[in-house]
N, C-alpha and C. Protein backbone atom coordinates (compact mmCIF):
# COMPACT_ATOMS: atom_id res chain seq x y z
N MET A 1 -12.11 242.71 -12.03
CA MET A 1 -11.54 241.57 -12.48
C MET A 1 -11.90 240.92 -13.86
N SER A 2 -10.83 240.67 -14.85
CA SER A 2 -11.47 239.48 -15.86
C SER A 2 -11.64 238.45 -15.92
N TYR A 3 -11.59 237.63 -16.48
CA TYR A 3 -12.09 236.13 -16.98
C TYR A 3 -12.21 235.48 -18.02
N HIS A 4 -11.72 234.29 -17.98
CA HIS A 4 -12.08 233.69 -19.08
C HIS A 4 -13.27 233.50 -19.64
N SER A 5 -13.68 233.32 -20.10
CA SER A 5 -15.70 232.90 -20.44
C SER A 5 -15.17 232.68 -22.03
N PHE A 6 -16.46 231.55 -22.13
CA PHE A 6 -16.96 231.67 -23.15
C PHE A 6 -18.25 232.78 -23.36
N ARG A 7 -18.40 233.27 -24.94
CA ARG A 7 -19.82 234.11 -25.27
C ARG A 7 -19.86 233.93 -26.30
N ALA A 8 -21.54 233.83 -26.53
CA ALA A 8 -22.04 234.12 -27.66
C ALA A 8 -22.64 234.88 -27.40
N ALA A 9 -23.28 235.88 -28.87
CA ALA A 9 -24.16 236.88 -28.73
C ALA A 9 -25.16 236.40 -29.07
N ALA A 10 -26.50 237.32 -29.05
CA ALA A 10 -27.56 237.43 -28.62
C ALA A 10 -28.36 237.10 -29.96
N GLY A 11 -28.95 236.52 -30.31
CA GLY A 11 -30.21 236.64 -31.69
C GLY A 11 -30.63 237.63 -31.31
N ALA A 12 -31.65 238.07 -32.53
CA ALA A 12 -32.67 239.58 -32.06
C ALA A 12 -33.49 238.92 -31.61
N ASP A 13 -33.96 240.19 -30.17
CA ASP A 13 -34.91 239.92 -29.33
C ASP A 13 -34.27 238.79 -28.60
N GLN A 14 -33.10 238.22 -28.35
CA GLN A 14 -33.66 236.79 -27.29
C GLN A 14 -32.24 237.39 -26.07
N PRO A 15 -32.62 236.91 -24.53
CA PRO A 15 -32.05 237.35 -23.60
C PRO A 15 -30.91 236.85 -24.03
N VAL A 16 -29.56 237.33 -22.50
CA VAL A 16 -28.49 236.62 -22.15
C VAL A 16 -29.01 235.78 -20.98
N VAL A 17 -28.20 234.90 -21.00
CA VAL A 17 -27.65 233.77 -20.30
C VAL A 17 -26.45 233.55 -19.36
N LEU A 18 -26.09 233.91 -18.25
CA LEU A 18 -25.16 233.42 -17.56
C LEU A 18 -25.52 232.43 -16.75
N ALA A 19 -23.93 231.67 -16.95
CA ALA A 19 -24.08 230.30 -16.77
C ALA A 19 -22.61 229.90 -16.24
N LEU A 20 -23.15 229.45 -14.39
CA LEU A 20 -21.72 229.65 -13.64
C LEU A 20 -21.88 227.97 -13.19
N HIS A 21 -20.14 227.19 -13.82
CA HIS A 21 -19.80 226.25 -13.44
C HIS A 21 -19.86 225.54 -12.17
N GLY A 22 -19.97 224.04 -11.64
CA GLY A 22 -19.77 223.63 -10.11
C GLY A 22 -18.14 223.53 -10.65
N THR A 23 -18.11 222.89 -9.40
CA THR A 23 -16.50 222.74 -8.88
C THR A 23 -16.37 221.60 -9.74
N GLY A 24 -14.84 221.84 -11.06
CA GLY A 24 -14.15 220.82 -11.54
C GLY A 24 -14.55 220.87 -12.92
N GLY A 25 -15.43 222.29 -13.19
CA GLY A 25 -16.39 222.41 -14.34
C GLY A 25 -15.10 223.67 -15.14
N ASP A 26 -15.71 224.21 -16.20
CA ASP A 26 -14.96 225.44 -16.77
C ASP A 26 -16.31 225.67 -17.28
N GLU A 27 -15.73 227.08 -18.46
CA GLU A 27 -16.46 228.12 -18.81
C GLU A 27 -17.56 227.31 -20.23
N PHE A 28 -17.23 225.90 -20.77
CA PHE A 28 -17.70 225.42 -22.03
C PHE A 28 -19.31 223.91 -20.85
N GLN A 29 -19.12 223.65 -19.71
CA GLN A 29 -19.94 223.18 -18.97
C GLN A 29 -21.48 222.92 -19.02
N PHE A 30 -22.10 224.08 -19.35
CA PHE A 30 -23.04 224.02 -20.18
C PHE A 30 -23.49 224.64 -21.64
N VAL A 31 -22.68 225.15 -22.39
CA VAL A 31 -22.91 225.28 -23.55
C VAL A 31 -24.01 224.61 -24.47
N GLU A 32 -23.49 223.69 -24.61
CA GLU A 32 -24.61 222.65 -25.43
C GLU A 32 -26.24 222.85 -24.54
N LEU A 33 -26.16 222.74 -23.44
CA LEU A 33 -27.16 222.41 -23.31
C LEU A 33 -28.56 223.92 -23.25
N ILE A 34 -27.43 225.19 -23.22
CA ILE A 34 -28.13 226.68 -23.27
C ILE A 34 -28.49 226.47 -24.99
N ARG A 35 -27.22 225.79 -25.45
CA ARG A 35 -28.22 225.56 -26.63
C ARG A 35 -28.66 225.07 -27.45
N GLN A 36 -29.16 223.86 -26.74
CA GLN A 36 -30.59 222.96 -26.91
C GLN A 36 -32.05 223.75 -26.39
N MET A 37 -31.52 223.93 -25.11
CA MET A 37 -32.95 224.93 -24.60
C MET A 37 -33.42 226.11 -25.36
N MET A 38 -32.28 226.97 -25.51
CA MET A 38 -32.67 228.11 -25.95
C MET A 38 -31.90 228.91 -26.71
N PRO A 39 -32.48 228.11 -28.49
CA PRO A 39 -30.94 228.33 -29.49
C PRO A 39 -31.49 230.04 -29.57
N GLY A 40 -30.04 230.55 -30.23
CA GLY A 40 -30.46 232.09 -30.41
C GLY A 40 -30.14 232.94 -29.19
N ALA A 41 -30.46 232.22 -27.81
CA ALA A 41 -29.55 233.24 -27.04
C ALA A 41 -28.38 233.40 -26.34
N GLY A 42 -28.11 234.52 -25.97
CA GLY A 42 -26.59 235.02 -26.00
C GLY A 42 -26.12 233.88 -24.72
N ILE A 43 -24.78 234.23 -24.76
CA ILE A 43 -24.48 232.78 -23.75
C ILE A 43 -22.57 234.15 -23.00
N VAL A 44 -22.95 233.59 -21.53
CA VAL A 44 -21.91 234.27 -20.97
C VAL A 44 -21.62 233.02 -20.16
N ALA A 45 -20.01 232.66 -19.78
CA ALA A 45 -19.42 231.96 -19.08
C ALA A 45 -18.39 231.81 -18.79
N PRO A 46 -18.01 232.56 -17.21
CA PRO A 46 -16.34 232.69 -16.64
C PRO A 46 -16.39 231.67 -16.16
N ARG A 47 -14.61 231.39 -16.69
CA ARG A 47 -14.49 230.18 -15.66
C ARG A 47 -13.51 230.98 -14.54
N GLY A 48 -14.38 229.81 -13.45
CA GLY A 48 -13.82 229.86 -12.26
C GLY A 48 -12.65 230.26 -11.77
N ASP A 49 -11.75 231.23 -11.36
CA ASP A 49 -10.68 231.07 -11.10
C ASP A 49 -9.93 231.12 -10.13
N VAL A 50 -9.88 230.72 -9.18
CA VAL A 50 -9.74 229.46 -7.84
C VAL A 50 -9.77 228.44 -8.42
N SER A 51 -8.15 227.64 -8.13
CA SER A 51 -8.15 226.55 -8.34
C SER A 51 -7.57 226.26 -6.89
N GLU A 52 -8.83 224.44 -7.16
CA GLU A 52 -8.63 223.78 -6.13
C GLU A 52 -8.02 222.39 -6.21
N TYR A 53 -6.93 221.88 -5.95
CA TYR A 53 -6.11 221.40 -6.42
C TYR A 53 -6.22 220.10 -7.96
N GLY A 54 -6.45 221.44 -8.86
CA GLY A 54 -6.52 221.45 -10.18
C GLY A 54 -8.11 221.79 -10.76
N ALA A 55 -8.84 221.46 -9.48
CA ALA A 55 -10.37 221.71 -10.11
C ALA A 55 -10.68 223.22 -9.94
N ASN A 56 -11.48 223.97 -10.73
CA ASN A 56 -11.75 225.43 -11.34
C ASN A 56 -12.79 225.72 -10.18
N ARG A 57 -12.74 227.12 -9.86
CA ARG A 57 -14.04 227.15 -8.76
C ARG A 57 -13.96 228.83 -8.73
N PHE A 58 -15.07 229.51 -8.03
CA PHE A 58 -15.47 230.38 -7.92
C PHE A 58 -14.93 231.15 -6.65
N PHE A 59 -14.97 230.72 -5.93
CA PHE A 59 -13.98 231.30 -4.58
C PHE A 59 -13.82 229.83 -3.55
N ARG A 60 -12.77 229.78 -2.30
CA ARG A 60 -11.55 229.47 -1.80
C ARG A 60 -12.57 228.70 -0.81
N ARG A 61 -12.31 227.70 0.27
CA ARG A 61 -13.20 227.12 0.58
C ARG A 61 -11.77 226.57 1.59
N THR A 62 -11.85 226.41 2.73
CA THR A 62 -11.12 225.42 3.48
C THR A 62 -11.75 223.87 4.09
N GLY A 63 -13.25 223.75 3.83
CA GLY A 63 -13.32 222.48 3.66
C GLY A 63 -14.69 222.48 3.18
N GLU A 64 -15.54 220.66 2.97
CA GLU A 64 -16.93 220.64 2.44
C GLU A 64 -17.94 221.24 2.99
N GLY A 65 -18.29 222.50 2.41
CA GLY A 65 -19.34 222.89 3.41
C GLY A 65 -17.86 224.43 4.01
N VAL A 66 -17.88 224.45 4.23
CA VAL A 66 -16.87 225.28 5.07
C VAL A 66 -16.12 226.55 4.42
N TYR A 67 -16.81 227.73 3.80
CA TYR A 67 -16.03 228.68 2.80
C TYR A 67 -15.26 229.77 3.80
N ASP A 68 -14.00 230.40 2.74
CA ASP A 68 -13.47 230.99 2.99
C ASP A 68 -14.20 232.32 2.95
N MET A 69 -14.93 232.75 4.18
CA MET A 69 -15.47 234.22 3.93
C MET A 69 -15.35 235.29 3.08
N ALA A 70 -14.07 235.91 3.85
CA ALA A 70 -13.29 236.45 3.42
C ALA A 70 -12.95 236.97 1.82
N ASP A 71 -12.68 235.70 1.15
CA ASP A 71 -12.18 234.73 -0.57
C ASP A 71 -14.26 235.21 -1.03
N LEU A 72 -14.78 234.24 -0.41
CA LEU A 72 -16.13 234.62 -0.69
C LEU A 72 -16.46 236.18 -1.27
N ALA A 73 -16.21 237.58 -0.49
CA ALA A 73 -16.97 238.20 -0.70
C ALA A 73 -15.75 239.43 -1.27
N HIS A 74 -14.62 238.87 -1.70
CA HIS A 74 -13.66 239.22 -2.65
C HIS A 74 -13.95 238.86 -3.82
N ARG A 75 -13.89 237.81 -4.00
CA ARG A 75 -14.96 236.90 -5.63
C ARG A 75 -16.18 237.65 -6.25
N THR A 76 -16.90 237.53 -4.74
CA THR A 76 -18.26 238.52 -5.45
C THR A 76 -17.72 239.23 -5.76
N ASP A 77 -17.88 240.59 -5.40
CA ASP A 77 -17.56 241.89 -5.49
C ASP A 77 -16.94 241.38 -6.85
N ALA A 78 -15.84 240.58 -7.45
CA ALA A 78 -14.86 240.58 -8.71
C ALA A 78 -16.17 239.77 -9.67
N LEU A 79 -16.69 239.12 -9.33
CA LEU A 79 -17.94 238.53 -10.11
C LEU A 79 -19.28 239.47 -10.19
N LEU A 80 -19.30 240.11 -9.36
CA LEU A 80 -20.62 241.33 -9.82
C LEU A 80 -20.30 242.79 -10.53
N ALA A 81 -18.79 242.85 -10.33
CA ALA A 81 -18.09 244.01 -11.56
C ALA A 81 -18.25 243.28 -13.02
N PHE A 82 -17.99 241.72 -12.96
CA PHE A 82 -18.13 241.30 -14.45
C PHE A 82 -19.64 241.68 -14.94
N VAL A 83 -20.50 240.91 -14.11
CA VAL A 83 -21.96 240.88 -14.36
C VAL A 83 -22.46 242.11 -14.95
N THR A 84 -22.36 243.37 -14.28
CA THR A 84 -22.19 244.30 -14.46
C THR A 84 -21.76 245.18 -15.41
N GLU A 85 -21.05 244.81 -15.77
CA GLU A 85 -20.67 245.18 -17.42
C GLU A 85 -21.39 244.36 -18.94
N VAL A 86 -21.58 243.09 -18.09
CA VAL A 86 -22.41 241.61 -19.31
C VAL A 86 -23.62 242.66 -19.29
N ARG A 87 -24.40 243.23 -18.09
CA ARG A 87 -25.39 244.18 -18.31
C ARG A 87 -25.20 245.35 -19.35
N ALA A 88 -24.40 245.93 -18.97
CA ALA A 88 -24.11 246.98 -19.82
C ALA A 88 -23.88 247.21 -21.20
N GLU A 89 -23.60 245.95 -21.40
CA GLU A 89 -23.67 245.78 -22.99
C GLU A 89 -24.40 245.49 -23.83
N ALA A 90 -25.57 244.62 -22.93
CA ALA A 90 -26.80 244.55 -23.65
C ALA A 90 -28.22 244.84 -22.23
N PRO A 91 -28.17 246.16 -22.43
CA PRO A 91 -28.93 246.94 -21.54
C PRO A 91 -30.65 246.60 -21.70
N SER A 92 -31.15 246.63 -22.63
CA SER A 92 -32.11 246.29 -22.97
C SER A 92 -32.57 244.59 -22.89
N ARG A 93 -31.84 243.69 -23.03
CA ARG A 93 -31.92 242.07 -23.26
C ARG A 93 -31.80 241.78 -21.75
N PRO A 94 -33.21 241.31 -20.90
CA PRO A 94 -33.32 240.41 -19.99
C PRO A 94 -31.86 239.54 -19.60
N LEU A 95 -31.12 239.38 -18.02
CA LEU A 95 -30.14 238.89 -17.94
C LEU A 95 -30.56 237.80 -17.26
N LEU A 96 -30.81 236.11 -17.44
CA LEU A 96 -30.99 235.37 -16.97
C LEU A 96 -29.58 234.85 -16.45
N ALA A 97 -29.83 234.29 -15.83
CA ALA A 97 -28.62 233.28 -14.97
C ALA A 97 -28.87 231.61 -13.68
N PHE A 98 -28.01 231.07 -14.54
CA PHE A 98 -28.05 229.84 -13.56
C PHE A 98 -26.75 229.10 -13.14
N GLY A 99 -26.96 228.82 -12.10
CA GLY A 99 -25.42 228.24 -11.35
C GLY A 99 -25.49 227.01 -10.61
N TYR A 100 -24.55 225.79 -10.86
CA TYR A 100 -24.63 224.47 -10.37
C TYR A 100 -23.56 224.45 -9.13
N SER A 101 -23.91 223.85 -8.13
CA SER A 101 -23.30 223.49 -6.79
C SER A 101 -22.23 224.92 -7.20
N ASN A 102 -21.00 224.44 -6.87
CA ASN A 102 -20.50 226.23 -6.65
C ASN A 102 -20.77 227.35 -6.94
N GLY A 103 -21.35 226.81 -8.23
CA GLY A 103 -21.95 228.32 -9.55
C GLY A 103 -22.83 228.69 -8.66
N ALA A 104 -23.27 227.61 -8.50
CA ALA A 104 -25.26 228.20 -7.55
C ALA A 104 -24.40 228.96 -5.85
N ASN A 105 -23.53 228.79 -5.33
CA ASN A 105 -22.99 229.21 -4.39
C ASN A 105 -22.85 230.52 -4.73
N ILE A 106 -21.96 231.49 -5.56
CA ILE A 106 -21.04 232.66 -6.03
C ILE A 106 -22.30 233.36 -6.61
N LEU A 107 -23.31 232.61 -7.48
CA LEU A 107 -24.65 233.22 -7.83
C LEU A 107 -25.61 234.05 -6.52
N ALA A 108 -25.89 232.86 -5.62
CA ALA A 108 -26.54 233.16 -4.64
C ALA A 108 -25.88 234.38 -3.76
N ALA A 109 -24.53 234.62 -3.44
CA ALA A 109 -23.81 235.14 -2.82
C ALA A 109 -24.33 236.64 -4.16
N MET A 110 -24.23 236.45 -5.07
CA MET A 110 -24.42 238.15 -5.86
C MET A 110 -25.99 238.25 -5.42
N LEU A 111 -27.13 237.21 -5.19
CA LEU A 111 -28.35 237.81 -5.40
C LEU A 111 -28.33 238.76 -3.67
N PHE A 112 -28.16 237.67 -2.94
CA PHE A 112 -27.72 238.53 -1.56
C PHE A 112 -27.19 239.99 -1.20
N ARG A 113 -26.21 239.93 -2.36
CA ARG A 113 -25.59 241.56 -2.85
C ARG A 113 -26.86 242.70 -3.83
N GLN A 114 -26.87 242.57 -5.02
CA GLN A 114 -27.48 242.72 -5.80
C GLN A 114 -28.15 241.96 -6.66
N PRO A 115 -29.65 242.07 -6.04
CA PRO A 115 -30.88 241.33 -7.20
C PRO A 115 -30.92 241.80 -8.39
N GLY A 116 -31.33 243.55 -8.66
CA GLY A 116 -31.16 243.93 -9.34
C GLY A 116 -30.37 243.65 -10.65
N LEU A 117 -29.39 243.33 -10.78
CA LEU A 117 -28.79 242.65 -11.61
C LEU A 117 -29.35 241.82 -12.88
N PHE A 118 -30.40 241.20 -12.17
CA PHE A 118 -30.75 239.59 -12.48
C PHE A 118 -32.16 240.00 -12.71
N ASP A 119 -32.86 239.11 -14.29
CA ASP A 119 -34.15 239.06 -13.83
C ASP A 119 -34.68 237.73 -13.96
N ARG A 120 -33.52 236.34 -13.99
CA ARG A 120 -34.80 235.20 -13.09
C ARG A 120 -32.72 235.10 -12.82
N ALA A 121 -33.09 234.07 -11.63
CA ALA A 121 -31.91 232.99 -11.30
C ALA A 121 -32.04 231.77 -10.63
N ALA A 122 -31.49 231.03 -11.40
CA ALA A 122 -31.52 229.18 -10.86
C ALA A 122 -30.68 229.34 -10.28
N LEU A 123 -30.64 228.66 -9.16
CA LEU A 123 -29.38 227.80 -8.16
C LEU A 123 -29.84 226.03 -8.28
N LEU A 124 -28.65 225.83 -8.79
CA LEU A 124 -29.21 224.28 -8.56
C LEU A 124 -27.56 223.78 -7.60
N HIS A 125 -28.64 223.27 -6.96
CA HIS A 125 -27.70 222.10 -5.80
C HIS A 125 -27.22 223.46 -5.04
N PRO A 126 -27.78 224.29 -4.43
CA PRO A 126 -26.48 225.17 -3.75
C PRO A 126 -26.30 224.86 -1.86
N LEU A 127 -25.38 225.15 -1.82
CA LEU A 127 -25.51 225.18 -0.33
C LEU A 127 -24.45 226.62 0.07
N ILE A 128 -25.55 227.11 1.36
CA ILE A 128 -25.55 228.30 1.80
C ILE A 128 -25.12 227.88 3.45
N PRO A 129 -24.40 227.96 4.04
CA PRO A 129 -24.37 227.28 5.62
C PRO A 129 -24.32 228.90 6.05
N TRP A 130 -24.89 229.52 5.84
CA TRP A 130 -24.83 231.23 6.66
C TRP A 130 -26.29 231.32 6.46
N ARG A 131 -26.84 232.30 7.38
CA ARG A 131 -27.85 232.84 6.97
C ARG A 131 -27.54 234.32 6.53
N PRO A 132 -28.17 234.56 5.48
CA PRO A 132 -27.63 236.03 4.77
C PRO A 132 -28.58 236.97 5.67
N ALA A 133 -28.01 238.40 5.36
CA ALA A 133 -28.64 239.51 6.39
C ALA A 133 -30.23 239.42 5.19
N PRO A 134 -31.67 240.16 5.64
CA PRO A 134 -32.40 240.26 4.63
C PRO A 134 -31.69 241.50 3.58
N GLN A 135 -32.78 241.30 2.36
CA GLN A 135 -32.36 241.76 1.58
C GLN A 135 -33.72 242.04 0.58
N PRO A 136 -34.80 243.30 0.63
CA PRO A 136 -35.64 244.02 -0.01
C PRO A 136 -35.42 243.65 -1.53
N GLY A 137 -34.56 243.94 -1.46
CA GLY A 137 -34.35 243.89 -3.49
C GLY A 137 -35.23 242.51 -4.39
N LEU A 138 -34.69 241.37 -3.38
CA LEU A 138 -35.47 240.27 -3.77
C LEU A 138 -36.91 240.49 -3.95
N GLN A 139 -37.43 241.17 -3.59
CA GLN A 139 -39.21 241.18 -3.83
C GLN A 139 -39.63 240.79 -5.16
N GLY A 140 -40.29 239.63 -5.53
CA GLY A 140 -40.81 239.51 -6.66
C GLY A 140 -39.86 238.52 -7.81
N LEU A 141 -38.72 238.90 -7.44
CA LEU A 141 -37.44 238.18 -8.74
C LEU A 141 -37.86 236.98 -8.34
N PRO A 142 -37.79 236.11 -10.18
CA PRO A 142 -37.99 234.80 -9.94
C PRO A 142 -36.98 233.82 -9.71
N ILE A 143 -36.98 233.15 -8.87
CA ILE A 143 -35.73 232.21 -8.41
C ILE A 143 -36.71 230.81 -8.49
N LEU A 144 -35.63 229.61 -8.86
CA LEU A 144 -35.62 228.09 -8.63
C LEU A 144 -34.38 228.06 -7.93
N VAL A 145 -35.17 227.28 -7.00
CA VAL A 145 -33.99 226.03 -6.30
C VAL A 145 -34.00 224.68 -6.30
N THR A 146 -33.14 223.91 -6.92
CA THR A 146 -33.66 222.57 -6.89
C THR A 146 -32.53 221.74 -6.58
N ALA A 147 -32.72 220.84 -5.44
CA ALA A 147 -31.91 220.02 -4.54
C ALA A 147 -32.46 218.78 -4.32
N GLY A 148 -30.91 217.48 -3.87
CA GLY A 148 -31.20 216.55 -3.97
C GLY A 148 -31.69 215.64 -2.77
N ARG A 149 -33.06 215.04 -2.55
CA ARG A 149 -33.10 214.53 -0.95
C ARG A 149 -31.97 213.93 -0.17
N SER A 150 -31.13 213.49 -1.13
CA SER A 150 -30.17 212.73 -0.69
C SER A 150 -28.68 213.18 -1.23
N ASP A 151 -28.62 214.33 -1.50
CA ASP A 151 -27.07 214.98 -1.95
C ASP A 151 -26.33 214.93 -0.43
N PRO A 152 -25.27 214.41 -0.69
CA PRO A 152 -24.45 214.18 0.69
C PRO A 152 -23.25 215.66 0.53
N ILE A 153 -23.49 216.60 -0.39
CA ILE A 153 -22.70 217.40 -0.33
C ILE A 153 -23.63 218.81 0.18
N CYS A 154 -24.87 219.07 -0.54
CA CYS A 154 -25.84 220.03 -0.18
C CYS A 154 -26.93 219.56 0.36
N PRO A 155 -26.32 219.48 1.78
CA PRO A 155 -27.40 219.23 3.05
C PRO A 155 -29.23 219.49 2.45
N LEU A 156 -29.91 218.45 2.75
CA LEU A 156 -31.34 218.93 2.21
C LEU A 156 -32.03 219.85 3.16
N PRO A 157 -32.33 219.96 4.10
CA PRO A 157 -32.25 220.93 5.51
C PRO A 157 -31.94 222.69 5.52
N GLN A 158 -30.25 222.64 4.80
CA GLN A 158 -29.77 223.34 3.86
C GLN A 158 -30.33 223.74 2.98
N SER A 159 -30.63 223.51 2.06
CA SER A 159 -31.54 223.95 0.78
C SER A 159 -32.83 224.04 1.35
N LEU A 160 -33.23 223.31 2.33
CA LEU A 160 -35.16 223.81 2.11
C LEU A 160 -35.09 225.26 2.63
N ALA A 161 -33.46 225.65 3.84
CA ALA A 161 -33.65 226.78 4.60
C ALA A 161 -33.56 227.78 3.78
N LEU A 162 -32.60 227.96 2.59
CA LEU A 162 -32.40 228.91 1.50
C LEU A 162 -33.66 229.03 0.73
N ILE A 163 -34.64 227.82 0.69
CA ILE A 163 -35.68 228.22 0.06
C ILE A 163 -36.89 229.39 1.29
N ASP A 164 -36.53 228.82 2.16
CA ASP A 164 -37.66 229.33 3.19
C ASP A 164 -37.39 230.76 3.62
N TRP A 165 -35.68 231.08 3.00
CA TRP A 165 -34.96 232.68 3.15
C TRP A 165 -35.71 233.61 2.05
N PHE A 166 -35.56 232.80 0.92
CA PHE A 166 -36.06 233.41 -0.40
C PHE A 166 -37.16 233.95 -0.16
N LYS A 167 -38.47 232.47 0.55
CA LYS A 167 -39.44 233.30 0.17
C LYS A 167 -39.91 234.47 1.33
N ALA A 168 -39.36 234.31 2.47
CA ALA A 168 -39.02 235.13 3.43
C ALA A 168 -39.07 236.91 2.97
N GLN A 169 -38.35 236.85 1.89
CA GLN A 169 -37.88 238.13 1.25
C GLN A 169 -38.92 237.73 -0.10
N ASP A 170 -39.53 237.29 -0.03
CA ASP A 170 -41.14 237.93 -0.83
C ASP A 170 -40.26 237.74 -3.03
N ALA A 171 -39.69 236.74 -3.06
CA ALA A 171 -38.98 236.79 -3.85
C ALA A 171 -39.96 235.40 -4.59
N ALA A 172 -40.15 235.75 -5.94
CA ALA A 172 -40.92 234.74 -6.72
C ALA A 172 -40.52 233.35 -6.52
N VAL A 173 -40.22 232.46 -5.71
CA VAL A 173 -39.38 230.85 -5.51
C VAL A 173 -40.08 230.14 -5.75
N GLU A 174 -39.48 229.08 -6.84
CA GLU A 174 -40.19 228.00 -7.41
C GLU A 174 -38.67 227.23 -6.83
N SER A 175 -39.57 225.51 -6.16
CA SER A 175 -38.31 224.86 -6.08
C SER A 175 -38.92 223.35 -6.42
N LEU A 176 -37.76 222.49 -6.58
CA LEU A 176 -37.91 221.15 -7.02
C LEU A 176 -36.93 220.04 -5.79
N ILE A 177 -37.44 219.39 -5.67
CA ILE A 177 -36.30 217.94 -4.46
C ILE A 177 -36.63 216.76 -5.24
N GLU A 178 -35.33 216.96 -5.83
CA GLU A 178 -35.21 215.44 -6.98
C GLU A 178 -34.88 213.80 -5.78
N PRO A 179 -35.38 213.06 -5.87
CA PRO A 179 -35.10 211.98 -4.83
C PRO A 179 -33.01 211.86 -4.71
N GLY A 180 -32.64 212.34 -5.45
CA GLY A 180 -31.22 211.68 -5.67
C GLY A 180 -30.11 212.64 -5.57
N GLY A 181 -28.58 212.35 -5.42
CA GLY A 181 -27.76 212.78 -4.93
C GLY A 181 -27.57 214.41 -5.40
N HIS A 182 -26.37 214.44 -5.50
CA HIS A 182 -25.76 216.12 -5.91
C HIS A 182 -25.51 215.98 -7.48
N GLU A 183 -26.49 214.88 -8.05
CA GLU A 183 -26.34 215.12 -9.67
C GLU A 183 -27.46 216.39 -9.96
N ILE A 184 -27.22 216.07 -11.60
CA ILE A 184 -28.13 217.58 -12.04
C ILE A 184 -29.67 215.64 -12.83
N ARG A 185 -30.79 215.78 -12.00
CA ARG A 185 -31.66 214.97 -12.75
C ARG A 185 -32.46 215.67 -13.75
N PRO A 186 -33.31 214.51 -15.11
CA PRO A 186 -33.71 214.91 -16.46
C PRO A 186 -34.60 215.77 -15.59
N PRO A 187 -35.77 215.40 -14.42
CA PRO A 187 -36.63 216.52 -13.65
C PRO A 187 -36.21 217.98 -13.22
N GLU A 188 -34.99 218.32 -13.22
CA GLU A 188 -34.03 219.77 -12.83
C GLU A 188 -33.99 220.29 -14.49
N LEU A 189 -33.74 219.40 -15.25
CA LEU A 189 -33.11 220.40 -16.26
C LEU A 189 -34.74 220.84 -16.96
N ALA A 190 -36.06 220.01 -17.04
CA ALA A 190 -37.26 220.27 -17.57
C ALA A 190 -37.48 221.24 -17.07
N ALA A 191 -37.38 221.77 -15.59
CA ALA A 191 -37.60 222.90 -15.06
C ALA A 191 -36.88 223.66 -15.31
N LEU A 192 -35.55 223.45 -14.87
CA LEU A 192 -34.87 224.59 -16.03
C LEU A 192 -35.01 225.26 -17.53
N ARG A 193 -35.36 224.16 -17.87
CA ARG A 193 -35.57 224.77 -19.20
C ARG A 193 -36.94 225.72 -18.97
N ARG A 194 -38.05 225.40 -18.30
CA ARG A 194 -39.75 225.57 -18.04
C ARG A 194 -39.15 227.55 -17.74
N PHE A 195 -38.16 226.88 -16.34
CA PHE A 195 -37.92 228.67 -15.93
C PHE A 195 -37.40 230.25 -16.99
N LEU A 196 -36.20 229.15 -17.63
CA LEU A 196 -35.98 229.93 -18.55
C LEU A 196 -36.58 230.54 -19.24
N THR A 197 -37.36 229.69 -20.02
CA THR A 197 -38.03 229.67 -21.24
C THR A 197 -39.36 230.73 -21.19
N VAL A 198 -40.16 231.10 -19.91
CA VAL A 198 -41.07 231.78 -19.57
C VAL A 198 -40.81 232.80 -20.03
N ALA A 199 -41.89 233.14 -20.95
CA ALA A 199 -42.38 234.76 -21.54
C ALA A 199 -42.43 235.71 -20.43
N PRO A 200 -42.16 236.98 -20.97
CA PRO A 200 -41.81 238.09 -19.76
C PRO A 200 -43.46 238.17 -19.17
N ALA A 201 -44.01 238.71 -18.19
CA ALA A 201 -44.99 239.12 -18.01
C ALA A 201 -45.03 240.85 -18.67
N ALA A 202 -46.47 241.03 -19.19
CA ALA A 202 -46.73 241.79 -20.36
C ALA A 202 -46.68 243.14 -19.14
């Protein structure tokens, strides 16, 4: 499956960043943010191909926090195929990924399935209303999870449960819990920048 997407080529010795928008966003939602954080990085930003009353999403849901699990599985397969092609186009470059809200949820679903596609992954305000099966491939993978203490869409207990699950898989988890709601706050952006721009281990 192909996606409408924004793409920018990476400069010399620069990573590729996969950016996944939230509900109602599009492929341009995080382009300028990435350019400010990581000048010269490659950018791949697909647009979710599900419409919810005109709002772009990466998979269907039947209510707030109630996912169409069959559709999620299908869309996860499709996006994994897309990311596999992205990885094949630049096999020697790190592939860094981040998603916000619905984008974080589909990124998490990909991590549950094929974590080896990614070198780092950041999930901003994810909501995973089920317990995934164990995934040994997450061991050592750097993962950042941010959440809002008063987030009405992604309840904090579920965010904390996801963080604990990643830790149980021995992922290299960082987390940031902010006092706000579902919005991305400046400390989260600062944490994301640090996380994406850290020098790879020698």
